[in-house]
Each structure stands twice: as structure tokens, then as C-alpha cells.
Amino acid sequence: MVLILFMLMCMLLNLFIGSASTKWAILASVFVPMFMVLGFHPGLIQMAYRIGDAVTNPICAIDAYFVMLLALAQRYDRRCGVGTLLANMMPFALTYGALMMIQLLLWYFLNLPMGPNAPILLS
């Protein structure tokens, strides 16, 4: 399904571009019209982007809050470094990503609205 591929692409892109607004500015101009042609509501596209962007933040070393997370980890374990933090956060990020993808797919297949006046499909 294209939504899963879009979320995976956002996850991968998040590792290289730290700013969420910059990524959305780059991706929205291409993917929102493309998915609208396929019949998806823009709210669903933005939700797929937000999931893809959010789940890889703990393993993104260029994220603004990664340093704060590392400082917090070092508060409890002085030997904790970047590699240790990434290795410990990887299962969390992958599990969280899988659960959020499953939740979005359930939302899609049950045809639940994304919010007020925001259906899943345009038609």
C-alpha cells in the first residue's frame, strides 16, 4: 500500500533532515496532490507523514532533542554514549512505528474520519 511506503520514506528521510517543517514543505508539494488524485484526503496524508516523522525521532542523531535525551541517559548511566542510546532506542522506535502503522491501517480500513469534516477518502 502506498501509505506504508510513504511512511517508510518519511522515516528514512527523517534520519537526514532534522526539521519537520522543512520535510513537510518538500514532501507536501508533491505528495498531497499525488495522493489526492488517488482519492486520499489531505488529512490522511499528513497523518501518515506525522507518523513517519515522529517514530524515528528517538534514533535521529541530528534531532534537536537527541542531545537532551543523551544527557538524561547519562544522568543515570555515565558510560552511555551515542551508540548505546541509539541501540537502546532502536527497538522502541521500530515497535512504535509498526504499531502506529497498524493503527493507521485499521483507521483506513474501518473508514473512520480523521477529524471533523475530514473523511479518509475524498469520494
PDB file of N, CA and C in Angstrom:
ATOM      1  N   MET A   1       0.849  -1.188   0.000  1.00  0.00           N
ATOM      2  CA  MET A   1       0.000   0.000   0.000  1.00  0.00           C
ATOM      3  C   MET A   1       0.888   1.243   0.000  1.00  0.00           C
ATOM      4  N   VAL A   2       0.439   2.254  -0.710  1.00  0.00           N
ATOM      5  CA  VAL A   2       1.257   3.455  -0.878  1.00  0.00           C
ATOM      6  C   VAL A   2       1.418   4.245   0.419  1.00  0.00           C
ATOM      7  N   LEU A   3       0.457   4.163   1.314  1.00  0.00           N
ATOM      8  CA  LEU A   3       0.598   4.872   2.593  1.00  0.00           C
ATOM      9  C   LEU A   3       1.755   4.311   3.412  1.00  0.00           C
ATOM     10  N   ILE A   4       1.915   3.000   3.412  1.00  0.00           N
ATOM     11  CA  ILE A   4       3.023   2.370   4.142  1.00  0.00           C
ATOM     12  C   ILE A   4       4.354   2.785   3.528  1.00  0.00           C
ATOM     13  N   LEU A   5       4.436   2.768   2.204  1.00  0.00           N
ATOM     14  CA  LEU A   5       5.673   3.184   1.538  1.00  0.00           C
ATOM     15  C   LEU A   5       5.981   4.652   1.804  1.00  0.00           C
ATOM     16  N   PHE A   6       4.942   5.471   1.839  1.00  0.00           N
ATOM     17  CA  PHE A   6       5.140   6.892   2.147  1.00  0.00           C
ATOM     18  C   PHE A   6       5.656   7.073   3.569  1.00  0.00           C
ATOM     19  N   MET A   7       5.101   6.325   4.526  1.00  0.00           N
ATOM     20  CA  MET A   7       5.573   6.423   5.908  1.00  0.00           C
ATOM     21  C   MET A   7       7.012   5.938   6.033  1.00  0.00           C
ATOM     22  N   LEU A   8       7.348   4.855   5.337  1.00  0.00           N
ATOM     23  CA  LEU A   8       8.723   4.361   5.376  1.00  0.00           C
ATOM     24  C   LEU A   8       9.697   5.367   4.766  1.00  0.00           C
ATOM     25  N   MET A   9       9.279   6.035   3.699  1.00  0.00           N
ATOM     26  CA  MET A   9      10.125   7.059   3.096  1.00  0.00           C
ATOM     27  C   MET A   9      10.319   8.240   4.057  1.00  0.00           C
ATOM     28  N   CYS A  10       9.258   8.619   4.757  1.00  0.00           N
ATOM     29  CA  CYS A  10       9.370   9.706   5.734  1.00  0.00           C
ATOM     30  C   CYS A  10      10.288   9.316   6.887  1.00  0.00           C
ATOM     31  N   MET A  11      10.222   8.054   7.301  1.00  0.00           N
ATOM     32  CA  MET A  11      11.117   7.582   8.361  1.00  0.00           C
ATOM     33  C   MET A  11      12.573   7.661   7.928  1.00  0.00           C
ATOM     34  N   LEU A  12      12.839   7.230   6.712  1.00  0.00           N
ATOM     35  CA  LEU A  12      14.210   7.280   6.206  1.00  0.00           C
ATOM     36  C   LEU A  12      14.680   8.716   6.017  1.00  0.00           C
ATOM     37  N   LEU A  13      13.822   9.564   5.495  1.00  0.00           N
ATOM     38  CA  LEU A  13      14.179  10.963   5.270  1.00  0.00           C
ATOM     39  C   LEU A  13      14.415  11.704   6.578  1.00  0.00           C
ATOM     40  N   ASN A  14      13.731  11.289   7.636  1.00  0.00           N
ATOM     41  CA  ASN A  14      13.903  11.926   8.936  1.00  0.00           C
ATOM     42  C   ASN A  14      15.319  11.746   9.484  1.00  0.00           C
ATOM     43  N   LEU A  15      15.996  10.703   9.068  1.00  0.00           N
ATOM     44  CA  LEU A  15      17.362  10.473   9.538  1.00  0.00           C
ATOM     45  C   LEU A  15      18.350  11.452   8.920  1.00  0.00           C
ATOM     46  N   PHE A  16      17.968  12.116   7.823  1.00  0.00           N
ATOM     47  CA  PHE A  16      18.870  13.028   7.127  1.00  0.00           C
ATOM     48  C   PHE A  16      18.470  14.498   7.228  1.00  0.00           C
ATOM     49  N   ILE A  17      17.180  14.765   7.401  1.00  0.00           N
ATOM     50  CA  ILE A  17      16.684  16.139   7.539  1.00  0.00           C
ATOM     51  C   ILE A  17      16.002  16.241   8.905  1.00  0.00           C
ATOM     52  N   GLY A  18      16.529  17.074   9.761  1.00  0.00           N
ATOM     53  CA  GLY A  18      16.029  17.147  11.129  1.00  0.00           C
ATOM     54  C   GLY A  18      14.741  17.932  11.297  1.00  0.00           C
ATOM     55  N   SER A  19      14.527  18.946  10.502  1.00  0.00           N
ATOM     56  CA  SER A  19      13.380  19.831  10.676  1.00  0.00           C
ATOM     57  C   SER A  19      12.112  19.230  10.066  1.00  0.00           C
ATOM     58  N   ALA A  20      11.078  19.088  10.890  1.00  0.00           N
ATOM     59  CA  ALA A  20       9.822  18.521  10.410  1.00  0.00           C
ATOM     60  C   ALA A  20       9.133  19.445   9.416  1.00  0.00           C
ATOM     61  N   SER A  21       9.200  20.758   9.650  1.00  0.00           N
ATOM     62  CA  SER A  21       8.541  21.691   8.732  1.00  0.00           C
ATOM     63  C   SER A  21       9.240  21.737   7.378  1.00  0.00           C
ATOM     64  N   THR A  22      10.557  21.580   7.373  1.00  0.00           N
ATOM     65  CA  THR A  22      11.281  21.544   6.095  1.00  0.00           C
ATOM     66  C   THR A  22      10.914  20.301   5.310  1.00  0.00           C
ATOM     67  N   LYS A  23      10.859  19.165   5.983  1.00  0.00           N
ATOM     68  CA  LYS A  23      10.474  17.924   5.302  1.00  0.00           C
ATOM     69  C   LYS A  23       9.062  18.035   4.745  1.00  0.00           C
ATOM     70  N   TRP A  24       8.146  18.585   5.525  1.00  0.00           N
ATOM     71  CA  TRP A  24       6.767  18.701   5.063  1.00  0.00           C
ATOM     72  C   TRP A  24       6.677  19.670   3.880  1.00  0.00           C
ATOM     73  N   ALA A  25       7.457  20.746   3.905  1.00  0.00           N
ATOM     74  CA  ALA A  25       7.457  21.696   2.785  1.00  0.00           C
ATOM     75  C   ALA A  25       7.963  21.033   1.511  1.00  0.00           C
ATOM     76  N   ILE A  26       8.939  20.156   1.644  1.00  0.00           N
ATOM     77  CA  ILE A  26       9.469  19.453   0.469  1.00  0.00           C
ATOM     78  C   ILE A  26       8.480  18.398  -0.021  1.00  0.00           C
ATOM     79  N   LEU A  27       7.941  17.620   0.894  1.00  0.00           N
ATOM     80  CA  LEU A  27       7.112  16.482   0.505  1.00  0.00           C
ATOM     81  C   LEU A  27       5.679  16.862   0.145  1.00  0.00           C
ATOM     82  N   ALA A  28       5.125  17.846   0.814  1.00  0.00           N
ATOM     83  CA  ALA A  28       3.704  18.163   0.619  1.00  0.00           C
ATOM     84  C   ALA A  28       3.399  18.643  -0.786  1.00  0.00           C
ATOM     85  N   SER A  29       4.301  19.400  -1.360  1.00  0.00           N
ATOM     86  CA  SER A  29       4.019  19.948  -2.697  1.00  0.00           C
ATOM     87  C   SER A  29       3.938  18.857  -3.755  1.00  0.00           C
ATOM     88  N   VAL A  30       4.535  17.722  -3.502  1.00  0.00           N
ATOM     89  CA  VAL A  30       4.496  16.616  -4.458  1.00  0.00           C
ATOM     90  C   VAL A  30       3.446  15.580  -4.058  1.00  0.00           C
ATOM     91  N   PHE A  31       3.481  15.159  -2.792  1.00  0.00           N
ATOM     92  CA  PHE A  31       2.690  14.007  -2.394  1.00  0.00           C
ATOM     93  C   PHE A  31       1.227  14.319  -2.091  1.00  0.00           C
ATOM     94  N   VAL A  32       0.901  15.508  -1.616  1.00  0.00           N
ATOM     95  CA  VAL A  32      -0.507  15.819  -1.346  1.00  0.00           C
ATOM     96  C   VAL A  32      -1.323  15.809  -2.638  1.00  0.00           C
ATOM     97  N   PRO A  33      -0.908  16.508  -3.706  1.00  0.00           N
ATOM     98  CA  PRO A  33      -1.690  16.401  -4.940  1.00  0.00           C
ATOM     99  C   PRO A  33      -1.705  14.991  -5.531  1.00  0.00           C
ATOM    100  N   MET A  34      -0.567  14.284  -5.411  1.00  0.00           N
ATOM    101  CA  MET A  34      -0.500  12.933  -5.956  1.00  0.00           C
ATOM    102  C   MET A  34      -1.475  12.000  -5.241  1.00  0.00           C
ATOM    103  N   PHE A  35      -1.510  12.073  -3.906  1.00  0.00           N
ATOM    104  CA  PHE A  35      -2.430  11.220  -3.161  1.00  0.00           C
ATOM    105  C   PHE A  35      -3.876  11.675  -3.336  1.00  0.00           C
ATOM    106  N   MET A  36      -4.096  12.965  -3.557  1.00  0.00           N
ATOM    107  CA  MET A  36      -5.462  13.432  -3.813  1.00  0.00           C
ATOM    108  C   MET A  36      -5.980  12.885  -5.132  1.00  0.00           C
ATOM    109  N   VAL A  37      -5.112  12.759  -6.123  1.00  0.00           N
ATOM    110  CA  VAL A  37      -5.511  12.141  -7.389  1.00  0.00           C
ATOM    111  C   VAL A  37      -5.908  10.683  -7.151  1.00  0.00           C
ATOM    112  N   LEU A  38      -5.245  10.023  -6.219  1.00  0.00           N
ATOM    113  CA  LEU A  38      -5.586   8.642  -5.873  1.00  0.00           C
ATOM    114  C   LEU A  38      -6.842   8.543  -5.014  1.00  0.00           C
ATOM    115  N   GLY A  39      -7.348   9.691  -4.530  1.00  0.00           N
ATOM    116  CA  GLY A  39      -8.594   9.710  -3.768  1.00  0.00           C
ATOM    117  C   GLY A  39      -8.434   9.824  -2.264  1.00  0.00           C
ATOM    118  N   PHE A  40      -7.213  10.042  -1.760  1.00  0.00           N
ATOM    119  CA  PHE A  40      -6.991  10.175  -0.330  1.00  0.00           C
ATOM    120  C   PHE A  40      -7.196  11.611   0.114  1.00  0.00           C
ATOM    121  N   HIS A  41      -7.738  11.782   1.304  1.00  0.00           N
ATOM    122  CA  HIS A  41      -7.930  13.108   1.878  1.00  0.00           C
ATOM    123  C   HIS A  41      -6.574  13.650   2.357  1.00  0.00           C
ATOM    124  N   PRO A  42      -6.317  14.956   2.237  1.00  0.00           N
ATOM    125  CA  PRO A  42      -5.043  15.518   2.703  1.00  0.00           C
ATOM    126  C   PRO A  42      -4.760  15.278   4.188  1.00  0.00           C
ATOM    127  N   GLY A  43      -5.802  15.165   5.005  1.00  0.00           N
ATOM    128  CA  GLY A  43      -5.598  14.877   6.420  1.00  0.00           C
ATOM    129  C   GLY A  43      -4.970  13.511   6.646  1.00  0.00           C
ATOM    130  N   LEU A  44      -5.346  12.544   5.839  1.00  0.00           N
ATOM    131  CA  LEU A  44      -4.757  11.208   5.937  1.00  0.00           C
ATOM    132  C   LEU A  44      -3.296  11.234   5.514  1.00  0.00           C
ATOM    133  N   ILE A  45      -2.986  12.010   4.510  1.00  0.00           N
ATOM    134  CA  ILE A  45      -1.609  12.122   4.034  1.00  0.00           C
ATOM    135  C   ILE A  45      -0.740  12.768   5.107  1.00  0.00           C
ATOM    136  N   GLN A  46      -1.258  13.822   5.725  1.00  0.00           N
ATOM    137  CA  GLN A  46      -0.490  14.475   6.775  1.00  0.00           C
ATOM    138  C   GLN A  46      -0.316  13.558   7.982  1.00  0.00           C
ATOM    139  N   MET A  47      -1.325  12.754   8.300  1.00  0.00           N
ATOM    140  CA  MET A  47      -1.189  11.817   9.414  1.00  0.00           C
ATOM    141  C   MET A  47      -0.126  10.772   9.107  1.00  0.00           C
ATOM    142  N   ALA A  48      -0.091  10.272   7.891  1.00  0.00           N
ATOM    143  CA  ALA A  48       0.950   9.301   7.516  1.00  0.00           C
ATOM    144  C   ALA A  48       2.327   9.948   7.608  1.00  0.00           C
ATOM    145  N   TYR A  49       2.440  11.198   7.196  1.00  0.00           N
ATOM    146  CA  TYR A  49       3.718  11.909   7.316  1.00  0.00           C
ATOM    147  C   TYR A  49       4.118  12.076   8.779  1.00  0.00           C
ATOM    148  N   ARG A  50       3.169  12.473   9.609  1.00  0.00           N
ATOM    149  CA  ARG A  50       3.479  12.719  11.024  1.00  0.00           C
ATOM    150  C   ARG A  50       3.906  11.445  11.738  1.00  0.00           C
ATOM    151  N   ILE A  51       3.308  10.322  11.372  1.00  0.00           N
ATOM    152  CA  ILE A  51       3.725   9.040  11.949  1.00  0.00           C
ATOM    153  C   ILE A  51       5.147   8.725  11.509  1.00  0.00           C
ATOM    154  N   GLY A  52       5.411   8.839  10.217  1.00  0.00           N
ATOM    155  CA  GLY A  52       6.748   8.553   9.713  1.00  0.00           C
ATOM    156  C   GLY A  52       7.803   9.468  10.294  1.00  0.00           C
ATOM    157  N   ASP A  53       7.443  10.699  10.534  1.00  0.00           N
ATOM    158  CA  ASP A  53       8.392  11.652  11.101  1.00  0.00           C
ATOM    159  C   ASP A  53       8.615  11.411  12.586  1.00  0.00           C
ATOM    160  N   ALA A  54       7.561  11.092  13.311  1.00  0.00           N
ATOM    161  CA  ALA A  54       7.658  11.014  14.773  1.00  0.00           C
ATOM    162  C   ALA A  54       8.355   9.759  15.276  1.00  0.00           C
ATOM    163  N   VAL A  55       8.139   8.632  14.612  1.00  0.00           N
ATOM    164  CA  VAL A  55       8.642   7.384  15.191  1.00  0.00           C
ATOM    165  C   VAL A  55      10.162   7.262  15.113  1.00  0.00           C
ATOM    166  N   THR A  56      10.805   7.970  14.213  1.00  0.00           N
ATOM    167  CA  THR A  56      12.262   7.869  14.115  1.00  0.00           C
ATOM    168  C   THR A  56      12.990   9.009  14.827  1.00  0.00           C
ATOM    169  N   ASN A  57      12.285   9.896  15.483  1.00  0.00           N
ATOM    170  CA  ASN A  57      12.956  10.972  16.220  1.00  0.00           C
ATOM    171  C   ASN A  57      13.896  10.470  17.311  1.00  0.00           C
ATOM    172  N   PRO A  58      13.558   9.418  18.067  1.00  0.00           N
ATOM    173  CA  PRO A  58      14.499   8.962  19.104  1.00  0.00           C
ATOM    174  C   PRO A  58      15.807   8.381  18.554  1.00  0.00           C
ATOM    175  N   ILE A  59      15.833   7.975  17.290  1.00  0.00           N
ATOM    176  CA  ILE A  59      17.057   7.405  16.728  1.00  0.00           C
ATOM    177  C   ILE A  59      17.697   8.330  15.703  1.00  0.00           C
ATOM    178  N   CYS A  60      17.260   9.563  15.655  1.00  0.00           N
ATOM    179  CA  CYS A  60      17.800  10.550  14.714  1.00  0.00           C
ATOM    180  C   CYS A  60      18.840  11.396  15.449  1.00  0.00           C
ATOM    181  N   ALA A  61      20.105  11.175  15.127  1.00  0.00           N
ATOM    182  CA  ALA A  61      21.182  11.864  15.843  1.00  0.00           C
ATOM    183  C   ALA A  61      21.225  13.361  15.555  1.00  0.00           C
ATOM    184  N   ILE A  62      20.584  13.821  14.481  1.00  0.00           N
ATOM    185  CA  ILE A  62      20.591  15.254  14.184  1.00  0.00           C
ATOM    186  C   ILE A  62      19.348  15.962  14.713  1.00  0.00           C
ATOM    187  N   ASP A  63      18.508  15.223  15.434  1.00  0.00           N
ATOM    188  CA  ASP A  63      17.332  15.828  16.037  1.00  0.00           C
ATOM    189  C   ASP A  63      17.753  16.777  17.151  1.00  0.00           C
ATOM    190  N   ALA A  64      17.042  17.868  17.307  1.00  0.00           N
ATOM    191  CA  ALA A  64      17.402  18.884  18.300  1.00  0.00           C
ATOM    192  C   ALA A  64      17.327  18.346  19.722  1.00  0.00           C
ATOM    193  N   TYR A  65      16.433  17.411  19.970  1.00  0.00           N
ATOM    194  CA  TYR A  65      16.251  16.894  21.331  1.00  0.00           C
ATOM    195  C   TYR A  65      17.099  15.664  21.619  1.00  0.00           C
ATOM    196  N   PHE A  66      17.848  15.178  20.639  1.00  0.00           N
ATOM    197  CA  PHE A  66      18.676  13.989  20.851  1.00  0.00           C
ATOM    198  C   PHE A  66      19.740  14.244  21.911  1.00  0.00           C
ATOM    199  N   VAL A  67      20.316  15.443  21.918  1.00  0.00           N
ATOM    200  CA  VAL A  67      21.343  15.786  22.904  1.00  0.00           C
ATOM    201  C   VAL A  67      20.741  15.798  24.305  1.00  0.00           C
ATOM    202  N   MET A  68      19.516  16.310  24.418  1.00  0.00           N
ATOM    203  CA  MET A  68      18.861  16.308  25.730  1.00  0.00           C
ATOM    204  C   MET A  68      18.546  14.886  26.187  1.00  0.00           C
ATOM    205  N   LEU A  69      18.152  14.039  25.267  1.00  0.00           N
ATOM    206  CA  LEU A  69      17.897  12.643  25.591  1.00  0.00           C
ATOM    207  C   LEU A  69      19.179  11.952  26.032  1.00  0.00           C
ATOM    208  N   LEU A  70      20.287  12.263  25.358  1.00  0.00           N
ATOM    209  CA  LEU A  70      21.581  11.697  25.731  1.00  0.00           C
ATOM    210  C   LEU A  70      22.016  12.186  27.121  1.00  0.00           C
ATOM    211  N   ALA A  71      21.802  13.455  27.400  1.00  0.00           N
ATOM    212  CA  ALA A  71      22.142  13.996  28.724  1.00  0.00           C
ATOM    213  C   ALA A  71      21.303  13.348  29.817  1.00  0.00           C
ATOM    214  N   LEU A  72      20.044  13.113  29.535  1.00  0.00           N
ATOM    215  CA  LEU A  72      19.181  12.444  30.505  1.00  0.00           C
ATOM    216  C   LEU A  72      19.641  11.006  30.733  1.00  0.00           C
ATOM    217  N   ALA A  73      20.020  10.311  29.666  1.00  0.00           N
ATOM    218  CA  ALA A  73      20.508   8.931  29.807  1.00  0.00           C
ATOM    219  C   ALA A  73      21.818   8.904  30.587  1.00  0.00           C
ATOM    220  N   GLN A  74      22.691   9.886  30.351  1.00  0.00           N
ATOM    221  CA  GLN A  74      23.967   9.927  31.063  1.00  0.00           C
ATOM    222  C   GLN A  74      23.799  10.306  32.529  1.00  0.00           C
ATOM    223  N   ARG A  75      22.688  10.876  32.860  1.00  0.00           N
ATOM    224  CA  ARG A  75      22.404  11.195  34.259  1.00  0.00           C
ATOM    225  C   ARG A  75      22.264   9.916  35.080  1.00  0.00           C
ATOM    226  N   TYR A  76      21.754   8.857  34.440  1.00  0.00           N
ATOM    227  CA  TYR A  76      21.555   7.581  35.124  1.00  0.00           C
ATOM    228  C   TYR A  76      22.663   6.572  34.839  1.00  0.00           C
ATOM    229  N   ASP A  77      23.352   6.727  33.696  1.00  0.00           N
ATOM    230  CA  ASP A  77      24.455   5.833  33.353  1.00  0.00           C
ATOM    231  C   ASP A  77      25.538   6.668  32.688  1.00  0.00           C
ATOM    232  N   ARG A  78      26.612   6.940  33.415  1.00  0.00           N
ATOM    233  CA  ARG A  78      27.685   7.816  32.917  1.00  0.00           C
ATOM    234  C   ARG A  78      28.374   7.257  31.674  1.00  0.00           C
ATOM    235  N   ARG A  79      28.345   5.936  31.483  1.00  0.00           N
ATOM    236  CA  ARG A  79      29.017   5.330  30.328  1.00  0.00           C
ATOM    237  C   ARG A  79      28.175   5.368  29.068  1.00  0.00           C
ATOM    238  N   CYS A  80      26.969   5.866  29.145  1.00  0.00           N
ATOM    239  CA  CYS A  80      26.068   5.904  27.992  1.00  0.00           C
ATOM    240  C   CYS A  80      26.571   6.918  26.964  1.00  0.00           C
ATOM    241  N   GLY A  81      26.716   6.469  25.731  1.00  0.00           N
ATOM    242  CA  GLY A  81      27.132   7.343  24.646  1.00  0.00           C
ATOM    243  C   GLY A  81      26.091   7.329  23.533  1.00  0.00           C
ATOM    244  N   VAL A  82      26.447   7.894  22.405  1.00  0.00           N
ATOM    245  CA  VAL A  82      25.526   7.980  21.273  1.00  0.00           C
ATOM    246  C   VAL A  82      25.145   6.586  20.780  1.00  0.00           C
ATOM    247  N   GLY A  83      26.124   5.710  20.633  1.00  0.00           N
ATOM    248  CA  GLY A  83      25.849   4.358  20.143  1.00  0.00           C
ATOM    249  C   GLY A  83      24.968   3.564  21.083  1.00  0.00           C
ATOM    250  N   THR A  84      25.233   3.683  22.378  1.00  0.00           N
ATOM    251  CA  THR A  84      24.410   2.985  23.364  1.00  0.00           C
ATOM    252  C   THR A  84      22.981   3.487  23.323  1.00  0.00           C
ATOM    253  N   LEU A  85      22.829   4.796  23.231  1.00  0.00           N
ATOM    254  CA  LEU A  85      21.486   5.381  23.183  1.00  0.00           C
ATOM    255  C   LEU A  85      20.746   4.940  21.925  1.00  0.00           C
ATOM    256  N   LEU A  86      21.436   4.969  20.776  1.00  0.00           N
ATOM    257  CA  LEU A  86      20.797   4.536  19.525  1.00  0.00           C
ATOM    258  C   LEU A  86      20.408   3.060  19.587  1.00  0.00           C
ATOM    259  N   ALA A  87      21.295   2.232  20.128  1.00  0.00           N
ATOM    260  CA  ALA A  87      20.999   0.805  20.225  1.00  0.00           C
ATOM    261  C   ALA A  87      19.838   0.525  21.168  1.00  0.00           C
ATOM    262  N   ASN A  88      19.731   1.295  22.232  1.00  0.00           N
ATOM    263  CA  ASN A  88      18.637   1.096  23.176  1.00  0.00           C
ATOM    264  C   ASN A  88      17.308   1.655  22.667  1.00  0.00           C
ATOM    265  N   MET A  89      17.356   2.671  21.840  1.00  0.00           N
ATOM    266  CA  MET A  89      16.124   3.287  21.336  1.00  0.00           C
ATOM    267  C   MET A  89      15.600   2.631  20.064  1.00  0.00           C
ATOM    268  N   MET A  90      16.440   1.857  19.368  1.00  0.00           N
ATOM    269  CA  MET A  90      16.032   1.236  18.106  1.00  0.00           C
ATOM    270  C   MET A  90      14.820   0.307  18.255  1.00  0.00           C
ATOM    271  N   PRO A  91      14.797  -0.627  19.225  1.00  0.00           N
ATOM    272  CA  PRO A  91      13.597  -1.475  19.354  1.00  0.00           C
ATOM    273  C   PRO A  91      12.341  -0.675  19.668  1.00  0.00           C
ATOM    274  N   PHE A  92      12.487   0.361  20.482  1.00  0.00           N
ATOM    275  CA  PHE A  92      11.348   1.225  20.803  1.00  0.00           C
ATOM    276  C   PHE A  92      10.813   1.890  19.536  1.00  0.00           C
ATOM    277  N   ALA A  93      11.700   2.452  18.730  1.00  0.00           N
ATOM    278  CA  ALA A  93      11.283   3.165  17.521  1.00  0.00           C
ATOM    279  C   ALA A  93      10.634   2.220  16.515  1.00  0.00           C
ATOM    280  N   LEU A  94      11.210   1.048  16.322  1.00  0.00           N
ATOM    281  CA  LEU A  94      10.656   0.098  15.356  1.00  0.00           C
ATOM    282  C   LEU A  94       9.296  -0.445  15.808  1.00  0.00           C
ATOM    283  N   THR A  95       9.172  -0.748  17.096  1.00  0.00           N
ATOM    284  CA  THR A  95       7.897  -1.240  17.620  1.00  0.00           C
ATOM    285  C   THR A  95       6.831  -0.162  17.550  1.00  0.00           C
ATOM    286  N   TYR A  96       7.196   1.043  17.957  1.00  0.00           N
ATOM    287  CA  TYR A  96       6.258   2.167  17.906  1.00  0.00           C
ATOM    288  C   TYR A  96       5.821   2.435  16.465  1.00  0.00           C
ATOM    289  N   GLY A  97       6.768   2.362  15.523  1.00  0.00           N
ATOM    290  CA  GLY A  97       6.436   2.569  14.115  1.00  0.00           C
ATOM    291  C   GLY A  97       5.482   1.512  13.590  1.00  0.00           C
ATOM    292  N   ALA A  98       5.732   0.254  13.941  1.00  0.00           N
ATOM    293  CA  ALA A  98       4.843  -0.819  13.494  1.00  0.00           C
ATOM    294  C   ALA A  98       3.442  -0.658  14.080  1.00  0.00           C
ATOM    295  N   LEU A  99       3.356  -0.325  15.364  1.00  0.00           N
ATOM    296  CA  LEU A  99       2.046  -0.150  15.994  1.00  0.00           C
ATOM    297  C   LEU A  99       1.280   1.033  15.403  1.00  0.00           C
ATOM    298  N   MET A 100       1.989   2.122  15.126  1.00  0.00           N
ATOM    299  CA  MET A 100       1.309   3.286  14.543  1.00  0.00           C
ATOM    300  C   MET A 100       0.852   3.010  13.104  1.00  0.00           C
ATOM    301  N   MET A 101       1.646   2.245  12.358  1.00  0.00           N
ATOM    302  CA  MET A 101       1.217   1.862  11.000  1.00  0.00           C
ATOM    303  C   MET A 101      -0.020   0.982  11.051  1.00  0.00           C
ATOM    304  N   ILE A 102      -0.038   0.034  11.964  1.00  0.00           N
ATOM    305  CA  ILE A 102      -1.210  -0.835  12.114  1.00  0.00           C
ATOM    306  C   ILE A 102      -2.429  -0.013  12.507  1.00  0.00           C
ATOM    307  N   GLN A 103      -2.244   0.946  13.404  1.00  0.00           N
ATOM    308  CA  GLN A 103      -3.370   1.790  13.817  1.00  0.00           C
ATOM    309  C   GLN A 103      -3.899   2.615  12.646  1.00  0.00           C
ATOM    310  N   LEU A 104      -3.001   3.171  11.843  1.00  0.00           N
ATOM    311  CA  LEU A 104      -3.460   3.958  10.690  1.00  0.00           C
ATOM    312  C   LEU A 104      -4.169   3.071   9.674  1.00  0.00           C
ATOM    313  N   LEU A 105      -3.667   1.863   9.460  1.00  0.00           N
ATOM    314  CA  LEU A 105      -4.331   0.948   8.529  1.00  0.00           C
ATOM    315  C   LEU A 105      -5.705   0.534   9.044  1.00  0.00           C
ATOM    316  N   LEU A 106      -5.832   0.289  10.346  1.00  0.00           N
ATOM    317  CA  LEU A 106      -7.154  -0.004  10.907  1.00  0.00           C
ATOM    318  C   LEU A 106      -8.104   1.176  10.715  1.00  0.00           C
ATOM    319  N   TRP A 107      -7.594   2.378  10.940  1.00  0.00           N
ATOM    320  CA  TRP A 107      -8.392   3.589  10.756  1.00  0.00           C
ATOM    321  C   TRP A 107      -8.869   3.675   9.307  1.00  0.00           C
ATOM    322  N   TYR A 108      -7.960   3.336   8.388  1.00  0.00           N
ATOM    323  CA  TYR A 108      -8.268   3.398   6.953  1.00  0.00           C
ATOM    324  C   TYR A 108      -9.301   2.335   6.575  1.00  0.00           C
ATOM    325  N   PHE A 109      -9.084   1.086   6.995  1.00  0.00           N
ATOM    326  CA  PHE A 109      -9.977   0.005   6.594  1.00  0.00           C
ATOM    327  C   PHE A 109     -11.335   0.083   7.275  1.00  0.00           C
ATOM    328  N   LEU A 110     -11.401   0.678   8.464  1.00  0.00           N
ATOM    329  CA  LEU A 110     -12.692   0.890   9.117  1.00  0.00           C
ATOM    330  C   LEU A 110     -13.375   2.155   8.628  1.00  0.00           C
ATOM    331  N   ASN A 111     -12.680   2.923   7.789  1.00  0.00           N
ATOM    332  CA  ASN A 111     -13.211   4.157   7.184  1.00  0.00           C
ATOM    333  C   ASN A 111     -13.677   5.151   8.249  1.00  0.00           C
ATOM    334  N   LEU A 112     -12.880   5.295   9.302  1.00  0.00           N
ATOM    335  CA  LEU A 112     -13.184   6.258  10.353  1.00  0.00           C
ATOM    336  C   LEU A 112     -12.682   7.634   9.918  1.00  0.00           C
ATOM    337  N   PRO A 113     -13.406   8.695  10.226  1.00  0.00           N
ATOM    338  CA  PRO A 113     -12.953  10.029   9.814  1.00  0.00           C
ATOM    339  C   PRO A 113     -11.706  10.455  10.581  1.00  0.00           C
ATOM    340  N   MET A 114     -10.872  11.263   9.938  1.00  0.00           N
ATOM    341  CA  MET A 114      -9.649  11.761  10.560  1.00  0.00           C
ATOM    342  C   MET A 114      -9.947  12.871  11.574  1.00  0.00           C
ATOM    343  N   GLY A 115     -11.093  13.460  11.455  1.00  0.00           N
ATOM    344  CA  GLY A 115     -11.500  14.537  12.348  1.00  0.00           C
ATOM    345  C   GLY A 115     -12.801  15.114  11.848  1.00  0.00           C
ATOM    346  N   PRO A 116     -13.214  16.265  12.389  1.00  0.00           N
ATOM    347  CA  PRO A 116     -14.440  16.896  11.915  1.00  0.00           C
ATOM    348  C   PRO A 116     -14.317  17.282  10.441  1.00  0.00           C
ATOM    349  N   ASN A 117     -15.229  16.803   9.662  1.00  0.00           N
ATOM    350  CA  ASN A 117     -15.305  17.128   8.234  1.00  0.00           C
ATOM    351  C   ASN A 117     -14.023  16.711   7.500  1.00  0.00           C
ATOM    352  N   ALA A 118     -13.403  15.631   7.928  1.00  0.00           N
ATOM    353  CA  ALA A 118     -12.176  15.128   7.291  1.00  0.00           C
ATOM    354  C   ALA A 118     -12.286  13.621   7.107  1.00  0.00           C
ATOM    355  N   PRO A 119     -12.939  13.187   6.038  1.00  0.00           N
ATOM    356  CA  PRO A 119     -13.047  11.748   5.813  1.00  0.00           C
ATOM    357  C   PRO A 119     -11.709  11.163   5.362  1.00  0.00           C
ATOM    358  N   ILE A 120     -11.630   9.852   5.318  1.00  0.00           N
ATOM    359  CA  ILE A 120     -10.409   9.185   4.859  1.00  0.00           C
ATOM    360  C   ILE A 120     -10.244   9.358   3.351  1.00  0.00           C
ATOM    361  N   LEU A 121     -11.318   9.157   2.614  1.00  0.00           N
ATOM    362  CA  LEU A 121     -11.276   9.252   1.161  1.00  0.00           C
ATOM    363  C   LEU A 121     -12.049  10.479   0.687  1.00  0.00           C
ATOM    364  N   LEU A 122     -11.637  11.020  -0.429  1.00  0.00           N
ATOM    365  CA  LEU A 122     -12.299  12.217  -0.962  1.00  0.00           C
ATOM    366  C   LEU A 122     -13.669  11.906  -1.564  1.00  0.00           C
ATOM    367  N   SER A 123     -13.826  10.731  -2.143  1.00  0.00           N
ATOM    368  CA  SER A 123     -15.097  10.410  -2.806  1.00  0.00           C
ATOM    369  C   SER A 123     -16.082   9.755  -1.877  1.00  0.00           C
TER     370      SER A 123
END
